Amino acid sequence: MTTGTSGQTHLSSVQIDVLRQELQEQLARRRGHLAGLQEAASEGTGADETWQELSVSIVTADRAVGELTQALDRLAEGGYGRCAECEAAIPFERLKIRPLARYCIACQRRHEAA
């Protein structure tokens, strides 16, 4: 994804710091949760339904860790906060509520309608 004007972002340095901190905190929580799930899985006790639920939880937590890592990478590269489809600026208010938002509201609506 390109970021428009040579990696520059529409977000202020204070806004970037706020979002970076939120993403890092979420990543730490998700990694801790994933480690706990993996430990529970390695103990291998429980019914088949419990094992299936645990497996789904591990996959979900692993996906969340990946998404958070990608968001932090985009932030470091200057592409965070730009729509992955149209490259429009995603408002800080939206990113504060949904730090993993990859689309502007218009493109998100198109994806949800499809």
Protein backbone atom coordinates (compact mmCIF):
# COMPACT_ATOMS: atom_id res chain seq x y z
CA MET A 1 0.00 0.00 0.00
CA THR A 2 1.26 3.46 -0.77
CA THR A 3 0.86 6.29 1.64
CA GLY A 4 0.38 9.23 -0.63
CA THR A 5 3.01 11.85 0.07
CA SER A 6 6.21 9.88 0.65
CA GLY A 7 5.23 8.11 3.85
CA GLN A 8 3.77 11.17 5.57
CA THR A 9 0.63 10.77 7.58
CA HIS A 10 -2.29 13.05 8.36
CA LEU A 11 -1.98 12.17 12.05
CA SER A 12 -0.12 14.38 14.51
CA SER A 13 2.79 12.97 16.48
CA VAL A 14 0.64 13.03 19.64
CA GLN A 15 -2.12 11.09 17.87
CA ILE A 16 0.42 8.59 16.55
CA ASP A 17 1.81 8.12 20.06
CA VAL A 18 -1.69 7.54 21.48
CA LEU A 19 -2.50 4.98 18.79
CA ARG A 20 0.91 3.27 19.07
CA GLN A 21 0.46 2.90 22.82
CA GLU A 22 -3.04 1.46 22.39
CA LEU A 23 -1.84 -1.01 19.74
CA GLN A 24 1.15 -2.07 21.86
CA GLU A 25 -1.06 -2.58 24.93
CA GLN A 26 -3.54 -4.64 22.93
CA LEU A 27 -0.69 -6.67 21.44
CA ALA A 28 0.77 -7.41 24.89
CA ARG A 29 -2.66 -8.50 26.18
CA ARG A 30 -3.32 -10.70 23.14
CA ARG A 31 0.13 -12.29 23.31
CA GLY A 32 -0.43 -13.07 26.99
CA HIS A 33 -3.84 -14.54 26.21
CA LEU A 34 -2.38 -16.59 23.35
CA ALA A 35 0.41 -17.92 25.59
CA GLY A 36 -2.16 -18.99 28.17
CA LEU A 37 -4.24 -20.75 25.54
CA GLN A 38 -1.19 -22.52 24.14
CA GLU A 39 -0.20 -23.63 27.63
CA ALA A 40 -3.70 -25.00 28.23
CA ALA A 41 -3.53 -26.82 24.90
CA SER A 42 -0.17 -28.37 25.75
CA GLU A 43 -1.66 -29.81 28.96
CA GLY A 44 -4.07 -31.67 26.68
CA THR A 45 -6.79 -32.48 29.18
CA GLY A 46 -10.49 -32.05 28.52
CA ALA A 47 -13.34 -33.20 26.36
CA ASP A 48 -13.35 -32.98 22.57
CA GLU A 49 -15.68 -29.94 22.64
CA THR A 50 -13.33 -28.17 25.01
CA TRP A 51 -10.38 -29.01 22.77
CA GLN A 52 -12.22 -27.67 19.71
CA GLU A 53 -13.14 -24.45 21.52
CA LEU A 54 -9.54 -24.09 22.65
CA SER A 55 -8.27 -24.62 19.10
CA VAL A 56 -10.65 -21.97 17.75
CA SER A 57 -9.58 -19.57 20.51
CA ILE A 58 -5.91 -20.13 19.66
CA VAL A 59 -6.51 -19.43 15.97
CA THR A 60 -8.53 -16.30 16.81
CA ALA A 61 -5.91 -15.01 19.25
CA ASP A 62 -3.10 -15.74 16.80
CA ARG A 63 -4.96 -13.84 14.06
CA ALA A 64 -5.43 -10.87 16.41
CA VAL A 65 -1.71 -10.86 17.24
CA GLY A 66 -0.94 -10.84 13.51
CA GLU A 67 -3.35 -7.98 12.81
CA LEU A 68 -1.93 -5.90 15.65
CA THR A 69 1.63 -6.58 14.48
CA GLN A 70 0.70 -5.53 10.93
CA ALA A 71 -0.93 -2.34 12.25
CA LEU A 72 2.23 -1.48 14.20
CA ASP A 73 4.31 -2.18 11.08
CA ARG A 74 2.09 0.16 9.04
CA LEU A 75 2.45 2.77 11.77
CA ALA A 76 6.25 2.48 11.66
CA GLU A 77 6.25 2.70 7.84
CA GLY A 78 3.88 5.68 7.73
CA GLY A 79 0.97 3.86 6.08
CA TYR A 80 -1.19 3.50 9.17
CA GLY A 81 -4.38 5.53 9.09
CA ARG A 82 -4.80 5.38 5.32
CA CYS A 83 -7.56 3.36 3.67
CA ALA A 84 -6.18 0.14 2.17
CA GLU A 85 -8.53 0.56 -0.78
CA CYS A 86 -8.73 4.25 -1.72
CA GLU A 87 -5.83 5.62 0.39
CA ALA A 88 -8.06 8.28 1.94
CA ALA A 89 -7.13 9.41 5.43
CA ILE A 90 -8.95 7.50 8.16
CA PRO A 91 -9.94 10.02 10.84
CA PHE A 92 -8.21 9.80 14.22
CA GLU A 93 -11.59 9.44 15.92
CA ARG A 94 -12.29 6.25 13.95
CA LEU A 95 -8.80 4.87 14.63
CA LYS A 96 -9.16 5.61 18.33
CA ILE A 97 -12.36 3.54 18.44
CA ARG A 98 -11.16 0.88 15.97
CA PRO A 99 -7.34 0.90 15.99
CA LEU A 100 -7.25 -1.97 13.48
CA ALA A 101 -9.44 -0.14 10.94
CA ARG A 102 -7.98 -0.65 7.46
CA TYR A 103 -10.71 1.11 5.49
CA CYS A 104 -12.35 4.52 5.52
CA ILE A 105 -16.04 4.46 6.38
CA ALA A 106 -17.16 4.58 2.73
CA CYS A 107 -14.98 1.63 1.70
CA GLN A 108 -15.91 -0.29 4.86
CA ARG A 109 -19.58 0.09 3.98
CA ARG A 110 -18.90 -1.22 0.47
CA HIS A 111 -17.10 -4.26 1.90
CA GLU A 112 -19.92 -4.97 4.34
CA ALA A 113 -22.55 -4.64 1.59
CA ALA A 114 -20.72 -7.06 -0.72
